[in-house]
Amino acid sequence: MDRNGAVSWRSGLRVAGRLADMVRLEEVLFSLPLAYAGALLGARGWPGLPTLLWITAAVAGGKIGGMALNRLFDRDIDAANPATAGRALPAGLLSPAVAWAVGCAGLLFLAVAALELNALCALLLPVVLALIVVYTFTKRWGWGCHFALASVGFFLPFAGWIAVTGRLGAGPLLFGAAAGLWYVGFDSLYALRDVEVDRRLGLHSLPADLGVPATLSIAGAAHAGFLLLLGCLGLAQRLPWPYWVAVAVAAGALALQHAAVRRALAPVGFARFNSYVSFALLVGTVASALVR
């Protein structure tokens, strides 16, 4: 490879890295297992490769599109926050046009996948698109922003489930509500990082509005509710022992996360702990399907 080719290759890798950071690719990776777990439970076994591929396209498209638009609309806020000023958009390393393109492309993937899955997914598509776009602005309105994000998290296992069955039921609602509470808990803890900046900029979050002790209590209650609803789901679906092992692993990961946050009073290892939770639930549902 000549020098110009090597420079071009390195430049492409840098751009790819900036894009991956902009859309927080790690969040896609810990979101997909929840959708897959919902599909496995809905199908009571293997849902079929085409369905899983469309679910993958929907989740990846929605997460990537939503994060790109979030970064685009928040670029002035990020520029005023020392912790985020180095991100690609506020630092001028990527243009707003790129963020618009990635955001619209991601949501287009979500829309096509929903239309390909079934009529119920297509019917709920406008609701999901509206939540993804509106969530970005809720931190300007009140600390309910965490619950707005939770409504997006609700659709991960819920949509995976109904993508297979094409109908509503107690199972997908329980699993979706559990995921929503998980999102409330970890997003509240994540907001501890920006509490002083949020107050200075007039933005809202649980730590900025209600204080750190209240945030720790609310996050703990949300995660306890998450585990409780997972238990209710397991009983309602009569899931075998691997599922309960997965719930125990998720509980352990959340306990470690809370202990780390309380020691540091700051978000610690979020991608790692959240991956433990979501992958444990996926492995547990796969193993439960095999046992059954």
C-alpha atoms as a PDB file:
ATOM      1  CA  MET A   1       0.000   0.000   0.000  1.00  0.00           C
ATOM      2  CA  ASP A   2       1.400   3.436  -0.905  1.00  0.00           C
ATOM      3  CA  ARG A   3       1.621   6.356   1.479  1.00  0.00           C
ATOM      4  CA  ASN A   4      -1.558   8.008   0.194  1.00  0.00           C
ATOM      5  CA  GLY A   5      -3.466   4.755   0.605  1.00  0.00           C
ATOM      6  CA  ALA A   6      -2.229   4.340   4.183  1.00  0.00           C
ATOM      7  CA  VAL A   7      -3.220   7.911   5.054  1.00  0.00           C
ATOM      8  CA  SER A   8      -6.652   7.382   3.516  1.00  0.00           C
ATOM      9  CA  TRP A   9      -7.111   4.148   5.475  1.00  0.00           C
ATOM     10  CA  ARG A  10      -6.162   5.788   8.776  1.00  0.00           C
ATOM     11  CA  SER A  11      -8.458   8.720   8.017  1.00  0.00           C
ATOM     12  CA  GLY A  12     -11.334   6.335   7.366  1.00  0.00           C
ATOM     13  CA  LEU A  13     -10.717   4.569  10.665  1.00  0.00           C
ATOM     14  CA  ARG A  14     -10.733   7.891  12.514  1.00  0.00           C
ATOM     15  CA  VAL A  15     -14.063   8.861  10.967  1.00  0.00           C
ATOM     16  CA  ALA A  16     -15.518   5.446  11.781  1.00  0.00           C
ATOM     17  CA  GLY A  17     -14.359   5.824  15.376  1.00  0.00           C
ATOM     18  CA  ARG A  18     -15.959   9.251  15.643  1.00  0.00           C
ATOM     19  CA  LEU A  19     -19.224   7.913  14.223  1.00  0.00           C
ATOM     20  CA  ALA A  20     -19.197   4.972  16.658  1.00  0.00           C
ATOM     21  CA  ASP A  21     -18.605   7.372  19.555  1.00  0.00           C
ATOM     22  CA  MET A  22     -21.353   9.720  18.369  1.00  0.00           C
ATOM     23  CA  VAL A  23     -23.986   6.973  18.321  1.00  0.00           C
ATOM     24  CA  ARG A  24     -22.567   5.206  21.423  1.00  0.00           C
ATOM     25  CA  LEU A  25     -22.287   1.864  19.719  1.00  0.00           C
ATOM     26  CA  GLU A  26     -21.925   0.070  23.060  1.00  0.00           C
ATOM     27  CA  GLU A  27     -25.534   0.976  23.856  1.00  0.00           C
ATOM     28  CA  VAL A  28     -26.677  -0.825  20.715  1.00  0.00           C
ATOM     29  CA  LEU A  29     -24.801  -3.897  21.902  1.00  0.00           C
ATOM     30  CA  PHE A  30     -26.507  -4.006  25.309  1.00  0.00           C
ATOM     31  CA  SER A  31     -29.927  -3.122  23.857  1.00  0.00           C
ATOM     32  CA  LEU A  32     -30.102  -5.934  21.288  1.00  0.00           C
ATOM     33  CA  PRO A  33     -30.073  -8.790  23.853  1.00  0.00           C
ATOM     34  CA  LEU A  34     -33.285  -7.470  25.430  1.00  0.00           C
ATOM     35  CA  ALA A  35     -35.047  -7.443  22.069  1.00  0.00           C
ATOM     36  CA  TYR A  36     -33.752 -10.929  21.277  1.00  0.00           C
ATOM     37  CA  ALA A  37     -34.889 -12.183  24.689  1.00  0.00           C
ATOM     38  CA  GLY A  38     -38.361 -10.783  24.041  1.00  0.00           C
ATOM     39  CA  ALA A  39     -38.474 -12.538  20.672  1.00  0.00           C
ATOM     40  CA  LEU A  40     -37.394 -15.866  22.200  1.00  0.00           C
ATOM     41  CA  LEU A  41     -40.024 -15.645  24.915  1.00  0.00           C
ATOM     42  CA  GLY A  42     -42.706 -14.621  22.433  1.00  0.00           C
ATOM     43  CA  ALA A  43     -41.866 -17.525  20.144  1.00  0.00           C
ATOM     44  CA  ARG A  44     -41.306 -19.907  23.089  1.00  0.00           C
ATOM     45  CA  GLY A  45     -38.218 -21.004  21.204  1.00  0.00           C
ATOM     46  CA  TRP A  46     -36.413 -20.056  17.997  1.00  0.00           C
ATOM     47  CA  PRO A  47     -38.279 -17.188  16.247  1.00  0.00           C
ATOM     48  CA  GLY A  48     -36.618 -17.713  12.874  1.00  0.00           C
ATOM     49  CA  LEU A  49     -33.628 -16.000  11.283  1.00  0.00           C
ATOM     50  CA  PRO A  50     -35.581 -13.502   9.083  1.00  0.00           C
ATOM     51  CA  THR A  51     -37.495 -12.222  12.116  1.00  0.00           C
ATOM     52  CA  LEU A  52     -34.297 -11.856  14.146  1.00  0.00           C
ATOM     53  CA  LEU A  53     -32.615  -9.970  11.329  1.00  0.00           C
ATOM     54  CA  TRP A  54     -35.491  -7.506  11.060  1.00  0.00           C
ATOM     55  CA  ILE A  55     -35.502  -7.081  14.846  1.00  0.00           C
ATOM     56  CA  THR A  56     -31.762  -6.372  14.674  1.00  0.00           C
ATOM     57  CA  ALA A  57     -32.310  -3.770  11.963  1.00  0.00           C
ATOM     58  CA  ALA A  58     -35.104  -2.122  13.949  1.00  0.00           C
ATOM     59  CA  VAL A  59     -33.178  -1.905  17.227  1.00  0.00           C
ATOM     60  CA  ALA A  60     -29.865  -0.891  15.671  1.00  0.00           C
ATOM     61  CA  GLY A  61     -31.558   1.656  13.417  1.00  0.00           C
ATOM     62  CA  GLY A  62     -33.589   3.156  16.245  1.00  0.00           C
ATOM     63  CA  LYS A  63     -30.670   3.373  18.679  1.00  0.00           C
ATOM     64  CA  ILE A  64     -28.186   4.721  16.135  1.00  0.00           C
ATOM     65  CA  GLY A  65     -30.676   7.168  14.635  1.00  0.00           C
ATOM     66  CA  GLY A  66     -31.855   8.363  18.021  1.00  0.00           C
ATOM     67  CA  MET A  67     -28.346   8.875  19.388  1.00  0.00           C
ATOM     68  CA  ALA A  68     -27.208  10.748  16.267  1.00  0.00           C
ATOM     69  CA  LEU A  69     -30.157  13.147  16.546  1.00  0.00           C
ATOM     70  CA  ASN A  70     -29.608  13.475  20.291  1.00  0.00           C
ATOM     71  CA  ARG A  71     -25.992  14.493  19.693  1.00  0.00           C
ATOM     72  CA  LEU A  72     -27.083  16.873  16.929  1.00  0.00           C
ATOM     73  CA  PHE A  73     -29.750  18.667  18.966  1.00  0.00           C
ATOM     74  CA  ASP A  74     -27.553  18.758  22.101  1.00  0.00           C
ATOM     75  CA  ARG A  75     -24.310  19.865  20.465  1.00  0.00           C
ATOM     76  CA  ASP A  76     -24.429  23.344  22.042  1.00  0.00           C
ATOM     77  CA  ILE A  77     -25.081  21.800  25.472  1.00  0.00           C
ATOM     78  CA  ASP A  78     -22.244  19.338  24.957  1.00  0.00           C
ATOM     79  CA  ALA A  79     -19.924  22.181  23.977  1.00  0.00           C
ATOM     80  CA  ALA A  80     -20.638  23.925  27.303  1.00  0.00           C
ATOM     81  CA  ASN A  81     -19.908  20.760  29.333  1.00  0.00           C
ATOM     82  CA  PRO A  82     -16.183  20.039  29.903  1.00  0.00           C
ATOM     83  CA  ALA A  83     -16.937  16.306  30.042  1.00  0.00           C
ATOM     84  CA  THR A  84     -18.512  16.296  26.565  1.00  0.00           C
ATOM     85  CA  ALA A  85     -16.882  19.247  24.796  1.00  0.00           C
ATOM     86  CA  GLY A  86     -14.426  16.874  23.087  1.00  0.00           C
ATOM     87  CA  ARG A  87     -17.156  14.914  21.342  1.00  0.00           C
ATOM     88  CA  ALA A  88     -17.018  14.920  17.581  1.00  0.00           C
ATOM     89  CA  LEU A  89     -19.892  17.347  16.897  1.00  0.00           C
ATOM     90  CA  PRO A  90     -19.104  20.119  19.421  1.00  0.00           C
ATOM     91  CA  ALA A  91     -15.399  19.780  18.624  1.00  0.00           C
ATOM     92  CA  GLY A  92     -16.091  20.205  14.905  1.00  0.00           C
ATOM     93  CA  LEU A  93     -14.690  16.769  14.001  1.00  0.00           C
ATOM     94  CA  LEU A  94     -17.985  15.786  12.373  1.00  0.00           C
ATOM     95  CA  SER A  95     -20.428  18.128  10.658  1.00  0.00           C
ATOM     96  CA  PRO A  96     -24.114  18.510  11.570  1.00  0.00           C
ATOM     97  CA  ALA A  97     -24.912  17.267   8.067  1.00  0.00           C
ATOM     98  CA  VAL A  98     -23.284  13.922   8.902  1.00  0.00           C
ATOM     99  CA  ALA A  99     -25.346  13.647  12.094  1.00  0.00           C
ATOM    100  CA  TRP A 100     -28.531  14.448  10.165  1.00  0.00           C
ATOM    101  CA  ALA A 101     -27.677  11.779   7.591  1.00  0.00           C
ATOM    102  CA  VAL A 102     -26.884   9.109  10.200  1.00  0.00           C
ATOM    103  CA  GLY A 103     -29.949   9.993  12.258  1.00  0.00           C
ATOM    104  CA  CYS A 104     -32.377   9.886   9.344  1.00  0.00           C
ATOM    105  CA  ALA A 105     -30.817   6.714   7.933  1.00  0.00           C
ATOM    106  CA  GLY A 106     -31.100   4.961  11.283  1.00  0.00           C
ATOM    107  CA  LEU A 107     -34.764   5.870  11.720  1.00  0.00           C
ATOM    108  CA  LEU A 108     -35.430   4.801   8.137  1.00  0.00           C
ATOM    109  CA  PHE A 109     -33.978   1.372   8.950  1.00  0.00           C
ATOM    110  CA  LEU A 110     -36.284   1.206  11.966  1.00  0.00           C
ATOM    111  CA  ALA A 111     -39.320   2.145   9.864  1.00  0.00           C
ATOM    112  CA  VAL A 112     -38.607  -0.385   7.116  1.00  0.00           C
ATOM    113  CA  ALA A 113     -38.011  -3.152   9.659  1.00  0.00           C
ATOM    114  CA  ALA A 114     -41.252  -2.396  11.529  1.00  0.00           C
ATOM    115  CA  LEU A 115     -43.244  -2.439   8.292  1.00  0.00           C
ATOM    116  CA  GLU A 116     -41.662  -5.771   7.348  1.00  0.00           C
ATOM    117  CA  LEU A 117     -42.393  -7.444  10.687  1.00  0.00           C
ATOM    118  CA  ASN A 118     -46.181  -7.275  11.147  1.00  0.00           C
ATOM    119  CA  ALA A 119     -49.193  -4.971  11.281  1.00  0.00           C
ATOM    120  CA  LEU A 120     -48.932  -4.284  15.027  1.00  0.00           C
ATOM    121  CA  CYS A 121     -45.294  -3.197  14.725  1.00  0.00           C
ATOM    122  CA  ALA A 122     -46.264  -0.923  11.844  1.00  0.00           C
ATOM    123  CA  LEU A 123     -49.160   0.527  13.883  1.00  0.00           C
ATOM    124  CA  LEU A 124     -46.856   1.373  16.808  1.00  0.00           C
ATOM    125  CA  LEU A 125     -44.086   2.782  14.598  1.00  0.00           C
ATOM    126  CA  PRO A 126     -45.229   6.461  14.771  1.00  0.00           C
ATOM    127  CA  VAL A 127     -45.297   6.260  18.581  1.00  0.00           C
ATOM    128  CA  VAL A 128     -41.747   4.913  18.727  1.00  0.00           C
ATOM    129  CA  LEU A 129     -40.420   7.481  16.253  1.00  0.00           C
ATOM    130  CA  ALA A 130     -42.056  10.320  18.208  1.00  0.00           C
ATOM    131  CA  LEU A 131     -40.572   9.092  21.505  1.00  0.00           C
ATOM    132  CA  ILE A 132     -37.091   8.794  20.024  1.00  0.00           C
ATOM    133  CA  VAL A 133     -37.153  12.360  18.672  1.00  0.00           C
ATOM    134  CA  VAL A 134     -38.941  14.048  21.599  1.00  0.00           C
ATOM    135  CA  TYR A 135     -36.811  12.405  24.309  1.00  0.00           C
ATOM    136  CA  THR A 136     -33.832  14.598  23.422  1.00  0.00           C
ATOM    137  CA  PHE A 137     -35.676  17.758  24.443  1.00  0.00           C
ATOM    138  CA  THR A 138     -37.194  16.513  27.725  1.00  0.00           C
ATOM    139  CA  LYS A 139     -34.129  17.418  29.807  1.00  0.00           C
ATOM    140  CA  ARG A 140     -35.040  21.029  29.039  1.00  0.00           C
ATOM    141  CA  TRP A 141     -38.500  20.554  30.605  1.00  0.00           C
ATOM    142  CA  GLY A 142     -38.091  18.551  33.812  1.00  0.00           C
ATOM    143  CA  TRP A 143     -36.586  15.580  35.619  1.00  0.00           C
ATOM    144  CA  GLY A 144     -39.152  13.344  33.944  1.00  0.00           C
ATOM    145  CA  CYS A 145     -36.597  13.049  31.133  1.00  0.00           C
ATOM    146  CA  HIS A 146     -35.454   9.757  32.665  1.00  0.00           C
ATOM    147  CA  PHE A 147     -38.949   8.345  32.320  1.00  0.00           C
ATOM    148  CA  ALA A 148     -39.124   9.568  28.733  1.00  0.00           C
ATOM    149  CA  LEU A 149     -36.016   7.507  28.008  1.00  0.00           C
ATOM    150  CA  ALA A 150     -37.608   4.603  29.874  1.00  0.00           C
ATOM    151  CA  SER A 151     -40.523   4.693  27.442  1.00  0.00           C
ATOM    152  CA  VAL A 152     -38.020   4.065  24.651  1.00  0.00           C
ATOM    153  CA  GLY A 153     -36.401   1.254  26.651  1.00  0.00           C
ATOM    154  CA  PHE A 154     -39.841  -0.284  27.173  1.00  0.00           C
ATOM    155  CA  PHE A 155     -40.087  -1.014  23.463  1.00  0.00           C
ATOM    156  CA  LEU A 156     -36.918  -3.130  23.290  1.00  0.00           C
ATOM    157  CA  PRO A 157     -38.235  -6.440  24.710  1.00  0.00           C
ATOM    158  CA  PHE A 158     -41.857  -5.465  24.045  1.00  0.00           C
ATOM    159  CA  ALA A 159     -41.219  -4.958  20.335  1.00  0.00           C
ATOM    160  CA  GLY A 160     -39.106  -8.104  20.119  1.00  0.00           C
ATOM    161  CA  TRP A 161     -41.993 -10.074  21.605  1.00  0.00           C
ATOM    162  CA  ILE A 162     -44.784  -8.634  19.451  1.00  0.00           C
ATOM    163  CA  ALA A 163     -42.576  -8.885  16.353  1.00  0.00           C
ATOM    164  CA  VAL A 164     -42.996 -12.646  16.752  1.00  0.00           C
ATOM    165  CA  THR A 165     -46.587 -12.898  17.994  1.00  0.00           C
ATOM    166  CA  GLY A 166     -48.207  -9.901  16.291  1.00  0.00           C
ATOM    167  CA  ARG A 167     -50.443  -9.305  19.305  1.00  0.00           C
ATOM    168  CA  LEU A 168     -50.464  -7.672  22.736  1.00  0.00           C
ATOM    169  CA  GLY A 169     -50.389  -9.646  25.970  1.00  0.00           C
ATOM    170  CA  ALA A 170     -49.323  -9.617  29.602  1.00  0.00           C
ATOM    171  CA  GLY A 171     -45.908 -11.080  28.781  1.00  0.00           C
ATOM    172  CA  PRO A 172     -44.592  -8.309  26.521  1.00  0.00           C
ATOM    173  CA  LEU A 173     -46.109  -5.642  28.762  1.00  0.00           C
ATOM    174  CA  LEU A 174     -44.382  -7.068  31.839  1.00  0.00           C
ATOM    175  CA  PHE A 175     -41.041  -7.420  30.091  1.00  0.00           C
ATOM    176  CA  GLY A 176     -41.326  -3.929  28.589  1.00  0.00           C
ATOM    177  CA  ALA A 177     -42.200  -2.353  31.942  1.00  0.00           C
ATOM    178  CA  ALA A 178     -39.233  -4.121  33.539  1.00  0.00           C
ATOM    179  CA  ALA A 179     -36.889  -2.760  30.863  1.00  0.00           C
ATOM    180  CA  GLY A 180     -38.330   0.718  31.371  1.00  0.00           C
ATOM    181  CA  LEU A 181     -37.531   0.620  35.095  1.00  0.00           C
ATOM    182  CA  TRP A 182     -34.016  -0.602  34.320  1.00  0.00           C
ATOM    183  CA  TYR A 183     -33.548   2.432  32.071  1.00  0.00           C
ATOM    184  CA  VAL A 184     -34.864   4.806  34.759  1.00  0.00           C
ATOM    185  CA  GLY A 185     -32.355   3.400  37.233  1.00  0.00           C
ATOM    186  CA  PHE A 186     -29.202   3.515  35.159  1.00  0.00           C
ATOM    187  CA  ASP A 187     -30.026   6.800  33.407  1.00  0.00           C
ATOM    188  CA  SER A 188     -30.621   8.483  36.779  1.00  0.00           C
ATOM    189  CA  LEU A 189     -27.253   7.265  38.016  1.00  0.00           C
ATOM    190  CA  TYR A 190     -25.549   8.305  34.779  1.00  0.00           C
ATOM    191  CA  ALA A 191     -26.870  11.843  35.273  1.00  0.00           C
ATOM    192  CA  LEU A 192     -24.752  12.155  38.437  1.00  0.00           C
ATOM    193  CA  ARG A 193     -21.817  12.971  36.171  1.00  0.00           C
ATOM    194  CA  ASP A 194     -23.400  16.184  34.912  1.00  0.00           C
ATOM    195  CA  VAL A 195     -25.276  17.440  37.974  1.00  0.00           C
ATOM    196  CA  GLU A 196     -23.361  20.709  38.399  1.00  0.00           C
ATOM    197  CA  VAL A 197     -23.283  21.454  34.666  1.00  0.00           C
ATOM    198  CA  ASP A 198     -27.013  20.750  34.347  1.00  0.00           C
ATOM    199  CA  ARG A 199     -27.772  23.206  37.142  1.00  0.00           C
ATOM    200  CA  ARG A 200     -25.535  25.845  35.596  1.00  0.00           C
ATOM    201  CA  LEU A 201     -27.159  25.449  32.162  1.00  0.00           C
ATOM    202  CA  GLY A 202     -30.714  25.281  33.497  1.00  0.00           C
ATOM    203  CA  LEU A 203     -31.200  21.665  32.446  1.00  0.00           C
ATOM    204  CA  HIS A 204     -33.120  19.070  34.412  1.00  0.00           C
ATOM    205  CA  SER A 205     -32.398  15.644  35.827  1.00  0.00           C
ATOM    206  CA  LEU A 206     -33.106  13.806  39.047  1.00  0.00           C
ATOM    207  CA  PRO A 207     -29.696  14.702  40.561  1.00  0.00           C
ATOM    208  CA  ALA A 208     -29.905  18.337  39.441  1.00  0.00           C
ATOM    209  CA  ASP A 209     -33.491  18.846  40.633  1.00  0.00           C
ATOM    210  CA  LEU A 210     -33.872  16.513  43.622  1.00  0.00           C
ATOM    211  CA  GLY A 211     -30.296  15.979  44.755  1.00  0.00           C
ATOM    212  CA  VAL A 212     -27.900  13.044  44.892  1.00  0.00           C
ATOM    213  CA  PRO A 213     -29.389  11.138  47.899  1.00  0.00           C
ATOM    214  CA  ALA A 214     -32.879  11.172  46.372  1.00  0.00           C
ATOM    215  CA  THR A 215     -31.459  10.043  43.033  1.00  0.00           C
ATOM    216  CA  LEU A 216     -29.671   7.090  44.621  1.00  0.00           C
ATOM    217  CA  SER A 217     -32.895   6.047  46.353  1.00  0.00           C
ATOM    218  CA  ILE A 218     -35.031   6.405  43.215  1.00  0.00           C
ATOM    219  CA  ALA A 219     -32.520   4.498  41.100  1.00  0.00           C
ATOM    220  CA  GLY A 220     -32.404   1.731  43.695  1.00  0.00           C
ATOM    221  CA  ALA A 221     -36.194   1.525  43.788  1.00  0.00           C
ATOM    222  CA  ALA A 222     -36.365   1.445  39.982  1.00  0.00           C
ATOM    223  CA  HIS A 223     -33.882  -1.413  39.793  1.00  0.00           C
ATOM    224  CA  ALA A 224     -35.708  -3.291  42.556  1.00  0.00           C
ATOM    225  CA  GLY A 225     -38.895  -2.874  40.525  1.00  0.00           C
ATOM    226  CA  PHE A 226     -37.058  -4.158  37.463  1.00  0.00           C
ATOM    227  CA  LEU A 227     -36.104  -7.358  39.279  1.00  0.00           C
ATOM    228  CA  LEU A 228     -39.595  -7.730  40.755  1.00  0.00           C
ATOM    229  CA  LEU A 229     -41.221  -7.512  37.316  1.00  0.00           C
ATOM    230  CA  LEU A 230     -38.715 -10.011  35.931  1.00  0.00           C
ATOM    231  CA  GLY A 231     -39.822 -12.337  38.717  1.00  0.00           C
ATOM    232  CA  CYS A 232     -43.475 -11.791  37.844  1.00  0.00           C
ATOM    233  CA  LEU A 233     -42.676 -12.509  34.196  1.00  0.00           C
ATOM    234  CA  GLY A 234     -40.897 -15.729  35.098  1.00  0.00           C
ATOM    235  CA  LEU A 235     -43.844 -16.919  37.188  1.00  0.00           C
ATOM    236  CA  ALA A 236     -46.453 -15.899  34.617  1.00  0.00           C
ATOM    237  CA  GLN A 237     -44.581 -17.661  31.791  1.00  0.00           C
ATOM    238  CA  ARG A 238     -43.551 -20.613  33.987  1.00  0.00           C
ATOM    239  CA  LEU A 239     -39.952 -20.220  32.931  1.00  0.00           C
ATOM    240  CA  PRO A 240     -37.442 -22.890  33.990  1.00  0.00           C
ATOM    241  CA  TRP A 241     -34.410 -22.547  36.230  1.00  0.00           C
ATOM    242  CA  PRO A 242     -31.932 -20.969  33.725  1.00  0.00           C
ATOM    243  CA  TYR A 243     -34.100 -17.863  33.599  1.00  0.00           C
ATOM    244  CA  TRP A 244     -33.945 -17.502  37.373  1.00  0.00           C
ATOM    245  CA  VAL A 245     -30.172 -17.891  37.333  1.00  0.00           C
ATOM    246  CA  ALA A 246     -30.059 -15.054  34.782  1.00  0.00           C
ATOM    247  CA  VAL A 247     -32.226 -12.857  37.023  1.00  0.00           C
ATOM    248  CA  ALA A 248     -29.865 -13.575  39.932  1.00  0.00           C
ATOM    249  CA  VAL A 249     -26.856 -12.601  37.785  1.00  0.00           C
ATOM    250  CA  ALA A 250     -28.637  -9.381  36.752  1.00  0.00           C
ATOM    251  CA  ALA A 251     -29.365  -8.620  40.405  1.00  0.00           C
ATOM    252  CA  GLY A 252     -25.711  -9.142  41.281  1.00  0.00           C
ATOM    253  CA  ALA A 253     -24.552  -6.857  38.468  1.00  0.00           C
ATOM    254  CA  LEU A 254     -26.956  -4.131  39.595  1.00  0.00           C
ATOM    255  CA  ALA A 255     -25.811  -4.485  43.216  1.00  0.00           C
ATOM    256  CA  LEU A 256     -22.187  -4.059  42.118  1.00  0.00           C
ATOM    257  CA  GLN A 257     -23.148  -1.051  39.994  1.00  0.00           C
ATOM    258  CA  HIS A 258     -24.898   0.675  42.885  1.00  0.00           C
ATOM    259  CA  ALA A 259     -22.026  -0.081  45.264  1.00  0.00           C
ATOM    260  CA  ALA A 260     -19.523   1.415  42.802  1.00  0.00           C
ATOM    261  CA  VAL A 261     -21.661   4.520  42.233  1.00  0.00           C
ATOM    262  CA  ARG A 262     -22.182   5.095  45.953  1.00  0.00           C
ATOM    263  CA  ARG A 263     -18.450   4.890  46.572  1.00  0.00           C
ATOM    264  CA  ALA A 264     -17.570   7.338  43.803  1.00  0.00           C
ATOM    265  CA  LEU A 265     -20.837   9.363  43.652  1.00  0.00           C
ATOM    266  CA  ALA A 266     -20.367   9.209  39.887  1.00  0.00           C
ATOM    267  CA  PRO A 267     -21.286   6.773  37.115  1.00  0.00           C
ATOM    268  CA  VAL A 268     -18.783   3.916  37.050  1.00  0.00           C
ATOM    269  CA  GLY A 269     -18.420   1.181  34.415  1.00  0.00           C
ATOM    270  CA  PHE A 270     -21.899   1.657  33.007  1.00  0.00           C
ATOM    271  CA  ALA A 271     -21.396  -0.112  29.691  1.00  0.00           C
ATOM    272  CA  ARG A 272     -19.861  -3.098  31.478  1.00  0.00           C
ATOM    273  CA  PHE A 273     -22.561  -3.478  34.140  1.00  0.00           C
ATOM    274  CA  ASN A 274     -25.411  -2.936  31.687  1.00  0.00           C
ATOM    275  CA  SER A 275     -23.911  -5.526  29.352  1.00  0.00           C
ATOM    276  CA  TYR A 276     -23.835  -8.032  32.222  1.00  0.00           C
ATOM    277  CA  VAL A 277     -27.545  -7.465  32.837  1.00  0.00           C
ATOM    278  CA  SER A 278     -28.729  -7.666  29.236  1.00  0.00           C
ATOM    279  CA  PHE A 279     -26.507 -10.571  28.174  1.00  0.00           C
ATOM    280  CA  ALA A 280     -27.425 -12.542  31.297  1.00  0.00           C
ATOM    281  CA  LEU A 281     -31.103 -12.213  30.420  1.00  0.00           C
ATOM    282  CA  LEU A 282     -30.449 -13.267  26.822  1.00  0.00           C
ATOM    283  CA  VAL A 283     -28.430 -16.322  27.857  1.00  0.00           C
ATOM    284  CA  GLY A 284     -31.069 -17.197  30.439  1.00  0.00           C
ATOM    285  CA  THR A 285     -33.894 -17.064  27.907  1.00  0.00           C
ATOM    286  CA  VAL A 286     -31.907 -19.081  25.337  1.00  0.00           C
ATOM    287  CA  ALA A 287     -31.108 -21.722  27.943  1.00  0.00           C
ATOM    288  CA  SER A 288     -34.743 -21.737  29.112  1.00  0.00           C
ATOM    289  CA  ALA A 289     -35.899 -22.384  25.548  1.00  0.00           C
ATOM    290  CA  LEU A 290     -33.460 -25.289  25.272  1.00  0.00           C
ATOM    291  CA  VAL A 291     -34.589 -26.762  28.587  1.00  0.00           C
ATOM    292  CA  ARG A 292     -38.242 -26.505  27.589  1.00  0.00           C
END
